[in-house]
Amino acid sequence: MGSVLGTNKKSKEELQMALNKVKQIVSSHPVVVFSKTYCGYCKRVKQLLTQLGATYKVIELDEESDGGDIQAALAEWTGQRTVPNVFIGGQQIGGCDSVLEKYQAGLLVPLLTNAGAITVNNSVM
């Protein structure tokens, strides 16, 4: 037994269910952004992806009933607890700084293209 106000620790079952959900989402979409609606860094990444014409799936953790479980599962799986947590082609890219660095280095558009998130005609350089 535990109190409702007790610990924030998730049970192994809850964490495993959330992890399975996260992995299913990541494998089903070329680009996934785990985000929070009020996060400025998240908004920046979503704006960049939109500007590039990328197709992407956004999971707003603060709007999901199991958002806390998903965030805990992401931390367990990737070692990153913060948002945004971006996946392209099933691979974790990281957060806002990682995405912007890849964009500035000319690496983001090829990643998005290879993942099928944008077509070459849509890319903005």
PDB file of N, CA and C in Angstrom:
ATOM      1  N   MET A   1       0.845  -1.190   0.000  1.00  0.00           N
ATOM      2  CA  MET A   1       0.000   0.000   0.000  1.00  0.00           C
ATOM      3  C   MET A   1       0.874   1.230   0.000  1.00  0.00           C
ATOM      4  N   GLY A   2       0.402   2.260  -0.536  1.00  0.00           N
ATOM      5  CA  GLY A   2       1.105   3.532  -0.485  1.00  0.00           C
ATOM      6  C   GLY A   2       0.075   4.624  -0.466  1.00  0.00           C
ATOM      7  N   SER A   3       0.468   5.748   0.013  1.00  0.00           N
ATOM      8  CA  SER A   3      -0.496   6.840   0.013  1.00  0.00           C
ATOM      9  C   SER A   3      -0.478   7.529  -1.336  1.00  0.00           C
ATOM     10  N   VAL A   4      -1.572   8.156  -1.678  1.00  0.00           N
ATOM     11  CA  VAL A   4      -1.673   8.887  -2.937  1.00  0.00           C
ATOM     12  C   VAL A   4      -0.643  10.007  -2.963  1.00  0.00           C
ATOM     13  N   LEU A   5      -0.365  10.595  -1.824  1.00  0.00           N
ATOM     14  CA  LEU A   5       0.582  11.691  -1.743  1.00  0.00           C
ATOM     15  C   LEU A   5       2.010  11.202  -1.534  1.00  0.00           C
ATOM     16  N   GLY A   6       2.178   9.918  -1.437  1.00  0.00           N
ATOM     17  CA  GLY A   6       3.479   9.329  -1.139  1.00  0.00           C
ATOM     18  C   GLY A   6       4.518   9.571  -2.217  1.00  0.00           C
ATOM     19  N   THR A   7       5.027   8.532  -2.752  1.00  0.00           N
ATOM     20  CA  THR A   7       6.145   8.603  -3.677  1.00  0.00           C
ATOM     21  C   THR A   7       5.693   8.813  -5.121  1.00  0.00           C
ATOM     22  N   ASN A   8       6.581   9.411  -5.906  1.00  0.00           N
ATOM     23  CA  ASN A   8       6.315   9.594  -7.334  1.00  0.00           C
ATOM     24  C   ASN A   8       6.843   8.419  -8.151  1.00  0.00           C
ATOM     25  N   LYS A   9       7.441   7.460  -7.498  1.00  0.00           N
ATOM     26  CA  LYS A   9       7.987   6.303  -8.202  1.00  0.00           C
ATOM     27  C   LYS A   9       6.872   5.545  -8.912  1.00  0.00           C
ATOM     28  N   LYS A  10       7.147   5.173 -10.144  1.00  0.00           N
ATOM     29  CA  LYS A  10       6.176   4.426 -10.931  1.00  0.00           C
ATOM     30  C   LYS A  10       6.437   2.940 -10.745  1.00  0.00           C
ATOM     31  N   SER A  11       5.367   2.173 -10.803  1.00  0.00           N
ATOM     32  CA  SER A  11       5.552   0.734 -10.721  1.00  0.00           C
ATOM     33  C   SER A  11       6.218   0.254 -12.005  1.00  0.00           C
ATOM     34  N   LYS A  12       6.858  -0.902 -11.913  1.00  0.00           N
ATOM     35  CA  LYS A  12       7.510  -1.455 -13.100  1.00  0.00           C
ATOM     36  C   LYS A  12       6.494  -1.698 -14.212  1.00  0.00           C
ATOM     37  N   GLU A  13       5.280  -2.084 -13.833  1.00  0.00           N
ATOM     38  CA  GLU A  13       4.236  -2.345 -14.833  1.00  0.00           C
ATOM     39  C   GLU A  13       3.838  -1.061 -15.555  1.00  0.00           C
ATOM     40  N   GLU A  14       3.643   0.034 -14.790  1.00  0.00           N
ATOM     41  CA  GLU A  14       3.284   1.317 -15.394  1.00  0.00           C
ATOM     42  C   GLU A  14       4.383   1.803 -16.322  1.00  0.00           C
ATOM     43  N   LEU A  15       5.619   1.683 -15.863  1.00  0.00           N
ATOM     44  CA  LEU A  15       6.754   2.116 -16.666  1.00  0.00           C
ATOM     45  C   LEU A  15       6.866   1.282 -17.937  1.00  0.00           C
ATOM     46  N   GLN A  16       6.673  -0.024 -17.828  1.00  0.00           N
ATOM     47  CA  GLN A  16       6.763  -0.899 -18.995  1.00  0.00           C
ATOM     48  C   GLN A  16       5.650  -0.603 -19.995  1.00  0.00           C
ATOM     49  N   MET A  17       4.442  -0.363 -19.497  1.00  0.00           N
ATOM     50  CA  MET A  17       3.329  -0.018 -20.392  1.00  0.00           C
ATOM     51  C   MET A  17       3.621   1.289 -21.130  1.00  0.00           C
ATOM     52  N   ALA A  18       4.127   2.278 -20.415  1.00  0.00           N
ATOM     53  CA  ALA A  18       4.451   3.559 -21.030  1.00  0.00           C
ATOM     54  C   ALA A  18       5.593   3.403 -22.029  1.00  0.00           C
ATOM     55  N   LEU A  19       6.587   2.598 -21.688  1.00  0.00           N
ATOM     56  CA  LEU A  19       7.716   2.367 -22.581  1.00  0.00           C
ATOM     57  C   LEU A  19       7.260   1.673 -23.866  1.00  0.00           C
ATOM     58  N   ASN A  20       6.394   0.693 -23.740  1.00  0.00           N
ATOM     59  CA  ASN A  20       5.847   0.021 -24.923  1.00  0.00           C
ATOM     60  C   ASN A  20       5.093   1.017 -25.804  1.00  0.00           C
ATOM     61  N   LYS A  21       4.320   1.901 -25.176  1.00  0.00           N
ATOM     62  CA  LYS A  21       3.566   2.913 -25.920  1.00  0.00           C
ATOM     63  C   LYS A  21       4.523   3.856 -26.655  1.00  0.00           C
ATOM     64  N   VAL A  22       5.558   4.319 -25.953  1.00  0.00           N
ATOM     65  CA  VAL A  22       6.536   5.234 -26.553  1.00  0.00           C
ATOM     66  C   VAL A  22       7.206   4.576 -27.753  1.00  0.00           C
ATOM     67  N   LYS A  23       7.655   3.349 -27.587  1.00  0.00           N
ATOM     68  CA  LYS A  23       8.351   2.661 -28.673  1.00  0.00           C
ATOM     69  C   LYS A  23       7.428   2.426 -29.862  1.00  0.00           C
ATOM     70  N   GLN A  24       6.150   2.147 -29.592  1.00  0.00           N
ATOM     71  CA  GLN A  24       5.179   1.966 -30.677  1.00  0.00           C
ATOM     72  C   GLN A  24       4.974   3.275 -31.431  1.00  0.00           C
ATOM     73  N   ILE A  25       4.852   4.380 -30.726  1.00  0.00           N
ATOM     74  CA  ILE A  25       4.675   5.690 -31.364  1.00  0.00           C
ATOM     75  C   ILE A  25       5.896   6.035 -32.211  1.00  0.00           C
ATOM     76  N   VAL A  26       7.088   5.866 -31.642  1.00  0.00           N
ATOM     77  CA  VAL A  26       8.332   6.206 -32.339  1.00  0.00           C
ATOM     78  C   VAL A  26       8.501   5.367 -33.601  1.00  0.00           C
ATOM     79  N   SER A  27       8.124   4.091 -33.537  1.00  0.00           N
ATOM     80  CA  SER A  27       8.297   3.218 -34.703  1.00  0.00           C
ATOM     81  C   SER A  27       7.219   3.439 -35.771  1.00  0.00           C
ATOM     82  N   SER A  28       6.145   4.132 -35.415  1.00  0.00           N
ATOM     83  CA  SER A  28       5.023   4.328 -36.342  1.00  0.00           C
ATOM     84  C   SER A  28       5.040   5.660 -37.083  1.00  0.00           C
ATOM     85  N   HIS A  29       5.973   6.538 -36.739  1.00  0.00           N
ATOM     86  CA  HIS A  29       6.008   7.868 -37.347  1.00  0.00           C
ATOM     87  C   HIS A  29       7.439   8.229 -37.713  1.00  0.00           C
ATOM     88  N   PRO A  30       7.631   8.914 -38.857  1.00  0.00           N
ATOM     89  CA  PRO A  30       8.997   9.289 -39.248  1.00  0.00           C
ATOM     90  C   PRO A  30       9.666  10.244 -38.258  1.00  0.00           C
ATOM     91  N   VAL A  31       8.859  11.147 -37.681  1.00  0.00           N
ATOM     92  CA  VAL A  31       9.389  12.105 -36.711  1.00  0.00           C
ATOM     93  C   VAL A  31       8.396  12.210 -35.556  1.00  0.00           C
ATOM     94  N   VAL A  32       8.913  12.137 -34.331  1.00  0.00           N
ATOM     95  CA  VAL A  32       8.076  12.288 -33.144  1.00  0.00           C
ATOM     96  C   VAL A  32       8.743  13.310 -32.235  1.00  0.00           C
ATOM     97  N   VAL A  33       7.929  14.256 -31.757  1.00  0.00           N
ATOM     98  CA  VAL A  33       8.393  15.249 -30.795  1.00  0.00           C
ATOM     99  C   VAL A  33       7.581  15.072 -29.515  1.00  0.00           C
ATOM    100  N   PHE A  34       8.245  14.637 -28.455  1.00  0.00           N
ATOM    101  CA  PHE A  34       7.608  14.597 -27.142  1.00  0.00           C
ATOM    102  C   PHE A  34       7.821  15.985 -26.556  1.00  0.00           C
ATOM    103  N   SER A  35       6.716  16.646 -26.214  1.00  0.00           N
ATOM    104  CA  SER A  35       6.720  18.071 -25.959  1.00  0.00           C
ATOM    105  C   SER A  35       5.819  18.410 -24.778  1.00  0.00           C
ATOM    106  N   LYS A  36       5.856  19.671 -24.383  1.00  0.00           N
ATOM    107  CA  LYS A  36       4.863  20.232 -23.464  1.00  0.00           C
ATOM    108  C   LYS A  36       4.402  21.556 -24.075  1.00  0.00           C
ATOM    109  N   THR A  37       3.122  21.827 -23.971  1.00  0.00           N
ATOM    110  CA  THR A  37       2.529  22.967 -24.681  1.00  0.00           C
ATOM    111  C   THR A  37       3.146  24.300 -24.285  1.00  0.00           C
ATOM    112  N   TYR A  38       3.591  24.431 -23.053  1.00  0.00           N
ATOM    113  CA  TYR A  38       4.093  25.708 -22.552  1.00  0.00           C
ATOM    114  C   TYR A  38       5.610  25.870 -22.698  1.00  0.00           C
ATOM    115  N   CYS A  39       6.282  24.882 -23.260  1.00  0.00           N
ATOM    116  CA  CYS A  39       7.747  24.875 -23.342  1.00  0.00           C
ATOM    117  C   CYS A  39       8.228  25.653 -24.566  1.00  0.00           C
ATOM    118  N   GLY A  40       8.994  26.697 -24.336  1.00  0.00           N
ATOM    119  CA  GLY A  40       9.533  27.505 -25.421  1.00  0.00           C
ATOM    120  C   GLY A  40      10.487  26.739 -26.326  1.00  0.00           C
ATOM    121  N   TYR A  41      11.286  25.856 -25.750  1.00  0.00           N
ATOM    122  CA  TYR A  41      12.216  25.051 -26.551  1.00  0.00           C
ATOM    123  C   TYR A  41      11.446  24.102 -27.469  1.00  0.00           C
ATOM    124  N   CYS A  42      10.350  23.563 -26.949  1.00  0.00           N
ATOM    125  CA  CYS A  42       9.501  22.681 -27.747  1.00  0.00           C
ATOM    126  C   CYS A  42       8.894  23.453 -28.918  1.00  0.00           C
ATOM    127  N   LYS A  43       8.402  24.654 -28.624  1.00  0.00           N
ATOM    128  CA  LYS A  43       7.809  25.492 -29.677  1.00  0.00           C
ATOM    129  C   LYS A  43       8.820  25.783 -30.771  1.00  0.00           C
ATOM    130  N   ARG A  44      10.064  26.037 -30.373  1.00  0.00           N
ATOM    131  CA  ARG A  44      11.114  26.342 -31.349  1.00  0.00           C
ATOM    132  C   ARG A  44      11.359  25.163 -32.291  1.00  0.00           C
ATOM    133  N   VAL A  45      11.433  23.967 -31.734  1.00  0.00           N
ATOM    134  CA  VAL A  45      11.647  22.764 -32.548  1.00  0.00           C
ATOM    135  C   VAL A  45      10.458  22.542 -33.487  1.00  0.00           C
ATOM    136  N   LYS A  46       9.237  22.673 -32.964  1.00  0.00           N
ATOM    137  CA  LYS A  46       8.042  22.465 -33.788  1.00  0.00           C
ATOM    138  C   LYS A  46       7.967  23.512 -34.902  1.00  0.00           C
ATOM    139  N   GLN A  47       8.344  24.756 -34.610  1.00  0.00           N
ATOM    140  CA  GLN A  47       8.352  25.799 -35.635  1.00  0.00           C
ATOM    141  C   GLN A  47       9.359  25.469 -36.728  1.00  0.00           C
ATOM    142  N   LEU A  48      10.543  25.006 -36.346  1.00  0.00           N
ATOM    143  CA  LEU A  48      11.565  24.657 -37.328  1.00  0.00           C
ATOM    144  C   LEU A  48      11.091  23.506 -38.216  1.00  0.00           C
ATOM    145  N   LEU A  49      10.543  22.472 -37.614  1.00  0.00           N
ATOM    146  CA  LEU A  49      10.049  21.335 -38.403  1.00  0.00           C
ATOM    147  C   LEU A  49       8.943  21.776 -39.353  1.00  0.00           C
ATOM    148  N   THR A  50       8.062  22.652 -38.883  1.00  0.00           N
ATOM    149  CA  THR A  50       6.987  23.165 -39.728  1.00  0.00           C
ATOM    150  C   THR A  50       7.571  23.991 -40.870  1.00  0.00           C
ATOM    151  N   GLN A  51       8.533  24.837 -40.559  1.00  0.00           N
ATOM    152  CA  GLN A  51       9.192  25.678 -41.564  1.00  0.00           C
ATOM    153  C   GLN A  51       9.849  24.818 -42.645  1.00  0.00           C
ATOM    154  N   LEU A  52      10.395  23.685 -42.238  1.00  0.00           N
ATOM    155  CA  LEU A  52      11.049  22.783 -43.192  1.00  0.00           C
ATOM    156  C   LEU A  52      10.043  21.936 -43.967  1.00  0.00           C
ATOM    157  N   GLY A  53       8.783  22.016 -43.597  1.00  0.00           N
ATOM    158  CA  GLY A  53       7.750  21.247 -44.285  1.00  0.00           C
ATOM    159  C   GLY A  53       7.711  19.790 -43.868  1.00  0.00           C
ATOM    160  N   ALA A  54       8.240  19.500 -42.693  1.00  0.00           N
ATOM    161  CA  ALA A  54       8.303  18.112 -42.217  1.00  0.00           C
ATOM    162  C   ALA A  54       6.953  17.658 -41.672  1.00  0.00           C
ATOM    163  N   THR A  55       6.666  16.392 -41.903  1.00  0.00           N
ATOM    164  CA  THR A  55       5.519  15.741 -41.283  1.00  0.00           C
ATOM    165  C   THR A  55       6.016  15.165 -39.971  1.00  0.00           C
ATOM    166  N   TYR A  56       5.338  15.501 -38.880  1.00  0.00           N
ATOM    167  CA  TYR A  56       5.785  14.992 -37.588  1.00  0.00           C
ATOM    168  C   TYR A  56       4.611  14.813 -36.647  1.00  0.00           C
ATOM    169  N   LYS A  57       4.804  13.928 -35.689  1.00  0.00           N
ATOM    170  CA  LYS A  57       3.805  13.618 -34.663  1.00  0.00           C
ATOM    171  C   LYS A  57       4.245  14.297 -33.373  1.00  0.00           C
ATOM    172  N   VAL A  58       3.340  15.031 -32.756  1.00  0.00           N
ATOM    173  CA  VAL A  58       3.633  15.682 -31.477  1.00  0.00           C
ATOM    174  C   VAL A  58       2.837  14.994 -30.382  1.00  0.00           C
ATOM    175  N   ILE A  59       3.511  14.650 -29.311  1.00  0.00           N
ATOM    176  CA  ILE A  59       2.860  14.133 -28.113  1.00  0.00           C
ATOM    177  C   ILE A  59       3.079  15.187 -27.034  1.00  0.00           C
ATOM    178  N   GLU A  60       2.003  15.901 -26.684  1.00  0.00           N
ATOM    179  CA  GLU A  60       2.075  16.931 -25.650  1.00  0.00           C
ATOM    180  C   GLU A  60       1.887  16.245 -24.298  1.00  0.00           C
ATOM    181  N   LEU A  61       2.972  16.063 -23.588  1.00  0.00           N
ATOM    182  CA  LEU A  61       2.944  15.290 -22.344  1.00  0.00           C
ATOM    183  C   LEU A  61       2.043  15.913 -21.282  1.00  0.00           C
ATOM    184  N   ASP A  62       1.896  17.239 -21.307  1.00  0.00           N
ATOM    185  CA  ASP A  62       1.048  17.888 -20.318  1.00  0.00           C
ATOM    186  C   ASP A  62      -0.439  17.761 -20.652  1.00  0.00           C
ATOM    187  N   GLU A  63      -0.753  17.198 -21.815  1.00  0.00           N
ATOM    188  CA  GLU A  63      -2.147  16.978 -22.202  1.00  0.00           C
ATOM    189  C   GLU A  63      -2.530  15.502 -22.205  1.00  0.00           C
ATOM    190  N   GLU A  64      -1.550  14.635 -21.997  1.00  0.00           N
ATOM    191  CA  GLU A  64      -1.782  13.189 -21.986  1.00  0.00           C
ATOM    192  C   GLU A  64      -2.079  12.731 -20.562  1.00  0.00           C
ATOM    193  N   SER A  65      -3.071  11.871 -20.404  1.00  0.00           N
ATOM    194  CA  SER A  65      -3.397  11.376 -19.056  1.00  0.00           C
ATOM    195  C   SER A  65      -2.228  10.600 -18.453  1.00  0.00           C
ATOM    196  N   ASP A  66      -1.413   9.976 -19.301  1.00  0.00           N
ATOM    197  CA  ASP A  66      -0.251   9.228 -18.827  1.00  0.00           C
ATOM    198  C   ASP A  66       1.060   9.939 -19.184  1.00  0.00           C
ATOM    199  N   GLY A  67       0.997  11.258 -19.314  1.00  0.00           N
ATOM    200  CA  GLY A  67       2.178  12.031 -19.706  1.00  0.00           C
ATOM    201  C   GLY A  67       3.356  11.872 -18.771  1.00  0.00           C
ATOM    202  N   GLY A  68       3.078  11.810 -17.475  1.00  0.00           N
ATOM    203  CA  GLY A  68       4.156  11.604 -16.503  1.00  0.00           C
ATOM    204  C   GLY A  68       4.814  10.251 -16.663  1.00  0.00           C
ATOM    205  N   ASP A  69       3.996   9.238 -16.924  1.00  0.00           N
ATOM    206  CA  ASP A  69       4.529   7.891 -17.154  1.00  0.00           C
ATOM    207  C   ASP A  69       5.364   7.861 -18.435  1.00  0.00           C
ATOM    208  N   ILE A  70       4.877   8.532 -19.470  1.00  0.00           N
ATOM    209  CA  ILE A  70       5.605   8.573 -20.740  1.00  0.00           C
ATOM    210  C   ILE A  70       6.948   9.271 -20.542  1.00  0.00           C
ATOM    211  N   GLN A  71       6.943  10.387 -19.813  1.00  0.00           N
ATOM    212  CA  GLN A  71       8.189  11.108 -19.583  1.00  0.00           C
ATOM    213  C   GLN A  71       9.168  10.254 -18.778  1.00  0.00           C
ATOM    214  N   ALA A  72       8.668   9.524 -17.791  1.00  0.00           N
ATOM    215  CA  ALA A  72       9.524   8.629 -17.004  1.00  0.00           C
ATOM    216  C   ALA A  72      10.086   7.512 -17.884  1.00  0.00           C
ATOM    217  N   ALA A  73       9.252   6.975 -18.778  1.00  0.00           N
ATOM    218  CA  ALA A  73       9.702   5.914 -19.682  1.00  0.00           C
ATOM    219  C   ALA A  73      10.760   6.441 -20.651  1.00  0.00           C
ATOM    220  N   LEU A  74      10.562   7.659 -21.148  1.00  0.00           N
ATOM    221  CA  LEU A  74      11.559   8.275 -22.037  1.00  0.00           C
ATOM    222  C   LEU A  74      12.895   8.448 -21.312  1.00  0.00           C
ATOM    223  N   ALA A  75      12.832   8.884 -20.062  1.00  0.00           N
ATOM    224  CA  ALA A  75      14.056   9.069 -19.279  1.00  0.00           C
ATOM    225  C   ALA A  75      14.774   7.740 -19.086  1.00  0.00           C
ATOM    226  N   GLU A  76      13.999   6.701 -18.812  1.00  0.00           N
ATOM    227  CA  GLU A  76      14.570   5.366 -18.621  1.00  0.00           C
ATOM    228  C   GLU A  76      15.216   4.854 -19.918  1.00  0.00           C
ATOM    229  N   TRP A  77      14.536   5.067 -21.047  1.00  0.00           N
ATOM    230  CA  TRP A  77      14.974   4.541 -22.341  1.00  0.00           C
ATOM    231  C   TRP A  77      16.136   5.336 -22.922  1.00  0.00           C
ATOM    232  N   THR A  78      16.053   6.674 -22.840  1.00  0.00           N
ATOM    233  CA  THR A  78      17.017   7.518 -23.548  1.00  0.00           C
ATOM    234  C   THR A  78      18.010   8.216 -22.628  1.00  0.00           C
ATOM    235  N   GLY A  79      17.708   8.247 -21.332  1.00  0.00           N
ATOM    236  CA  GLY A  79      18.554   8.991 -20.423  1.00  0.00           C
ATOM    237  C   GLY A  79      18.242  10.485 -20.410  1.00  0.00           C
ATOM    238  N   GLN A  80      17.268  10.902 -21.204  1.00  0.00           N
ATOM    239  CA  GLN A  80      16.882  12.312 -21.276  1.00  0.00           C
ATOM    240  C   GLN A  80      15.498  12.488 -20.664  1.00  0.00           C
ATOM    241  N   ARG A  81      15.417  13.299 -19.630  1.00  0.00           N
ATOM    242  CA  ARG A  81      14.132  13.545 -18.975  1.00  0.00           C
ATOM    243  C   ARG A  81      13.450  14.796 -19.524  1.00  0.00           C
ATOM    244  N   THR A  82      14.238  15.715 -20.092  1.00  0.00           N
ATOM    245  CA  THR A  82      13.709  17.007 -20.530  1.00  0.00           C
ATOM    246  C   THR A  82      12.998  16.906 -21.879  1.00  0.00           C
ATOM    247  N   VAL A  83      12.157  17.899 -22.139  1.00  0.00           N
ATOM    248  CA  VAL A  83      11.508  18.047 -23.434  1.00  0.00           C
ATOM    249  C   VAL A  83      12.040  19.314 -24.093  1.00  0.00           C
ATOM    250  N   PRO A  84      12.021  19.357 -25.421  1.00  0.00           N
ATOM    251  CA  PRO A  84      11.533  18.318 -26.307  1.00  0.00           C
ATOM    252  C   PRO A  84      12.491  17.134 -26.355  1.00  0.00           C
ATOM    253  N   ASN A  85      11.923  15.990 -26.645  1.00  0.00           N
ATOM    254  CA  ASN A  85      12.698  14.782 -26.880  1.00  0.00           C
ATOM    255  C   ASN A  85      12.297  14.339 -28.286  1.00  0.00           C
ATOM    256  N   VAL A  86      13.223  14.481 -29.228  1.00  0.00           N
ATOM    257  CA  VAL A  86      12.919  14.338 -30.646  1.00  0.00           C
ATOM    258  C   VAL A  86      13.501  13.039 -31.191  1.00  0.00           C
ATOM    259  N   PHE A  87      12.673  12.340 -31.972  1.00  0.00           N
ATOM    260  CA  PHE A  87      13.082  11.112 -32.654  1.00  0.00           C
ATOM    261  C   PHE A  87      12.873  11.297 -34.144  1.00  0.00           C
ATOM    262  N   ILE A  88      13.868  10.923 -34.925  1.00  0.00           N
ATOM    263  CA  ILE A  88      13.763  10.961 -36.389  1.00  0.00           C
ATOM    264  C   ILE A  88      14.170   9.593 -36.908  1.00  0.00           C
ATOM    265  N   GLY A  89      13.288   8.995 -37.697  1.00  0.00           N
ATOM    266  CA  GLY A  89      13.573   7.671 -38.248  1.00  0.00           C
ATOM    267  C   GLY A  89      13.809   6.633 -37.171  1.00  0.00           C
ATOM    268  N   GLY A  90      13.105   6.768 -36.047  1.00  0.00           N
ATOM    269  CA  GLY A  90      13.227   5.801 -34.960  1.00  0.00           C
ATOM    270  C   GLY A  90      14.417   6.025 -34.046  1.00  0.00           C
ATOM    271  N   GLN A  91      15.256   6.999 -34.358  1.00  0.00           N
ATOM    272  CA  GLN A  91      16.445   7.270 -33.554  1.00  0.00           C
ATOM    273  C   GLN A  91      16.260   8.547 -32.750  1.00  0.00           C
ATOM    274  N   GLN A  92      16.679   8.524 -31.498  1.00  0.00           N
ATOM    275  CA  GLN A  92      16.595   9.724 -30.690  1.00  0.00           C
ATOM    276  C   GLN A  92      17.635  10.719 -31.167  1.00  0.00           C
ATOM    277  N   ILE A  93      17.193  11.954 -31.399  1.00  0.00           N
ATOM    278  CA  ILE A  93      18.080  13.038 -31.821  1.00  0.00           C
ATOM    279  C   ILE A  93      18.494  13.864 -30.613  1.00  0.00           C
ATOM    280  N   GLY A  94      17.572  14.012 -29.651  1.00  0.00           N
ATOM    281  CA  GLY A  94      17.856  14.797 -28.461  1.00  0.00           C
ATOM    282  C   GLY A  94      16.849  15.909 -28.306  1.00  0.00           C
ATOM    283  N   GLY A  95      17.309  17.022 -27.734  1.00  0.00           N
ATOM    284  CA  GLY A  95      16.431  18.146 -27.475  1.00  0.00           C
ATOM    285  C   GLY A  95      16.615  19.273 -28.456  1.00  0.00           C
ATOM    286  N   CYS A  96      16.190  20.449 -28.061  1.00  0.00           N
ATOM    287  CA  CYS A  96      16.214  21.630 -28.918  1.00  0.00           C
ATOM    288  C   CYS A  96      17.626  21.930 -29.423  1.00  0.00           C
ATOM    289  N   ASP A  97      18.602  21.968 -28.522  1.00  0.00           N
ATOM    290  CA  ASP A  97      19.970  22.302 -28.940  1.00  0.00           C
ATOM    291  C   ASP A  97      20.493  21.317 -29.974  1.00  0.00           C
ATOM    292  N   SER A  98      20.245  20.030 -29.774  1.00  0.00           N
ATOM    293  CA  SER A  98      20.713  19.002 -30.717  1.00  0.00           C
ATOM    294  C   SER A  98      20.066  19.183 -32.086  1.00  0.00           C
ATOM    295  N   VAL A  99      18.768  19.465 -32.092  1.00  0.00           N
ATOM    296  CA  VAL A  99      18.049  19.651 -33.357  1.00  0.00           C
ATOM    297  C   VAL A  99      18.579  20.886 -34.076  1.00  0.00           C
ATOM    298  N   LEU A 100      18.744  21.988 -33.356  1.00  0.00           N
ATOM    299  CA  LEU A 100      19.248  23.221 -33.972  1.00  0.00           C
ATOM    300  C   LEU A 100      20.683  23.056 -34.469  1.00  0.00           C
ATOM    301  N   GLU A 101      21.510  22.349 -33.711  1.00  0.00           N
ATOM    302  CA  GLU A 101      22.890  22.093 -34.152  1.00  0.00           C
ATOM    303  C   GLU A 101      22.900  21.288 -35.440  1.00  0.00           C
ATOM    304  N   LYS A 102      22.051  20.273 -35.525  1.00  0.00           N
ATOM    305  CA  LYS A 102      21.981  19.463 -36.748  1.00  0.00           C
ATOM    306  C   LYS A 102      21.491  20.308 -37.921  1.00  0.00           C
ATOM    307  N   TYR A 103      20.528  21.185 -37.665  1.00  0.00           N
ATOM    308  CA  TYR A 103      20.017  22.060 -38.721  1.00  0.00           C
ATOM    309  C   TYR A 103      21.127  22.992 -39.212  1.00  0.00           C
ATOM    310  N   GLN A 104      21.826  23.645 -38.291  1.00  0.00           N
ATOM    311  CA  GLN A 104      22.878  24.593 -38.665  1.00  0.00           C
ATOM    312  C   GLN A 104      24.045  23.904 -39.367  1.00  0.00           C
ATOM    313  N   ALA A 105      24.284  22.639 -39.048  1.00  0.00           N
ATOM    314  CA  ALA A 105      25.367  21.881 -39.685  1.00  0.00           C
ATOM    315  C   ALA A 105      24.932  21.271 -41.020  1.00  0.00           C
ATOM    316  N   GLY A 106      23.665  21.473 -41.402  1.00  0.00           N
ATOM    317  CA  GLY A 106      23.167  20.924 -42.660  1.00  0.00           C
ATOM    318  C   GLY A 106      22.825  19.440 -42.580  1.00  0.00           C
ATOM    319  N   LEU A 107      22.671  18.917 -41.379  1.00  0.00           N
ATOM    320  CA  LEU A 107      22.414  17.489 -41.200  1.00  0.00           C
ATOM    321  C   LEU A 107      20.939  17.158 -40.978  1.00  0.00           C
ATOM    322  N   LEU A 108      20.133  18.152 -40.583  1.00  0.00           N
ATOM    323  CA  LEU A 108      18.742  17.879 -40.231  1.00  0.00           C
ATOM    324  C   LEU A 108      17.887  17.534 -41.448  1.00  0.00           C
ATOM    325  N   VAL A 109      18.002  18.325 -42.512  1.00  0.00           N
ATOM    326  CA  VAL A 109      17.171  18.083 -43.704  1.00  0.00           C
ATOM    327  C   VAL A 109      17.433  16.688 -44.289  1.00  0.00           C
ATOM    328  N   PRO A 110      18.708  16.260 -44.422  1.00  0.00           N
ATOM    329  CA  PRO A 110      18.929  14.882 -44.898  1.00  0.00           C
ATOM    330  C   PRO A 110      18.323  13.824 -43.970  1.00  0.00           C
ATOM    331  N   LEU A 111      18.417  14.026 -42.658  1.00  0.00           N
ATOM    332  CA  LEU A 111      17.801  13.076 -41.718  1.00  0.00           C
ATOM    333  C   LEU A 111      16.299  13.001 -41.940  1.00  0.00           C
ATOM    334  N   LEU A 112      15.670  14.173 -42.054  1.00  0.00           N
ATOM    335  CA  LEU A 112      14.223  14.228 -42.267  1.00  0.00           C
ATOM    336  C   LEU A 112      13.838  13.608 -43.610  1.00  0.00           C
ATOM    337  N   THR A 113      14.640  13.863 -44.628  1.00  0.00           N
ATOM    338  CA  THR A 113      14.377  13.311 -45.960  1.00  0.00           C
ATOM    339  C   THR A 113      14.504  11.793 -45.945  1.00  0.00           C
ATOM    340  N   ASN A 114      15.574  11.292 -45.344  1.00  0.00           N
ATOM    341  CA  ASN A 114      15.793   9.840 -45.267  1.00  0.00           C
ATOM    342  C   ASN A 114      14.694   9.144 -44.477  1.00  0.00           C
ATOM    343  N   ALA A 115      14.138   9.823 -43.497  1.00  0.00           N
ATOM    344  CA  ALA A 115      13.073   9.258 -42.671  1.00  0.00           C
ATOM    345  C   ALA A 115      11.718   9.322 -43.381  1.00  0.00           C
ATOM    346  N   GLY A 116      11.658  10.067 -44.490  1.00  0.00           N
ATOM    347  CA  GLY A 116      10.397  10.206 -45.223  1.00  0.00           C
ATOM    348  C   GLY A 116       9.503  11.303 -44.668  1.00  0.00           C
ATOM    349  N   ALA A 117      10.061  12.187 -43.837  1.00  0.00           N
ATOM    350  CA  ALA A 117       9.276  13.263 -43.235  1.00  0.00           C
ATOM    351  C   ALA A 117       9.136  14.477 -44.148  1.00  0.00           C
ATOM    352  N   ILE A 118      10.082  14.627 -45.074  1.00  0.00           N
ATOM    353  CA  ILE A 118       9.973  15.692 -46.070  1.00  0.00           C
ATOM    354  C   ILE A 118      10.429  15.156 -47.419  1.00  0.00           C
ATOM    355  N   THR A 119       9.951  15.795 -48.458  1.00  0.00           N
ATOM    356  CA  THR A 119      10.438  15.488 -49.787  1.00  0.00           C
ATOM    357  C   THR A 119      11.451  16.561 -50.140  1.00  0.00           C
ATOM    358  N   VAL A 120      12.358  16.249 -51.023  1.00  0.00           N
ATOM    359  CA  VAL A 120      13.433  17.179 -51.379  1.00  0.00           C
ATOM    360  C   VAL A 120      12.861  18.504 -51.872  1.00  0.00           C
ATOM    361  N   ASN A 121      11.722  18.463 -52.571  1.00  0.00           N
ATOM    362  CA  ASN A 121      11.115  19.679 -53.086  1.00  0.00           C
ATOM    363  C   ASN A 121      10.627  20.603 -51.970  1.00  0.00           C
ATOM    364  N   ASN A 122      10.306  20.051 -50.805  1.00  0.00           N
ATOM    365  CA  ASN A 122       9.785  20.846 -49.691  1.00  0.00           C
ATOM    366  C   ASN A 122      10.887  21.449 -48.820  1.00  0.00           C
ATOM    367  N   SER A 123      12.122  20.961 -48.965  1.00  0.00           N
ATOM    368  CA  SER A 123      13.147  21.378 -48.025  1.00  0.00           C
ATOM    369  C   SER A 123      13.520  22.839 -48.199  1.00  0.00           C
ATOM    370  N   VAL A 124      13.762  23.498 -47.089  1.00  0.00           N
ATOM    371  CA  VAL A 124      14.151  24.900 -47.070  1.00  0.00           C
ATOM    372  C   VAL A 124      15.590  24.936 -46.587  1.00  0.00           C
ATOM    373  N   MET A 125      16.407  25.595 -47.326  1.00  0.00           N
ATOM    374  CA  MET A 125      17.831  25.660 -46.940  1.00  0.00           C
ATOM    375  C   MET A 125      18.164  27.002 -46.349  1.00  0.00           C
TER     376      MET A 125
END
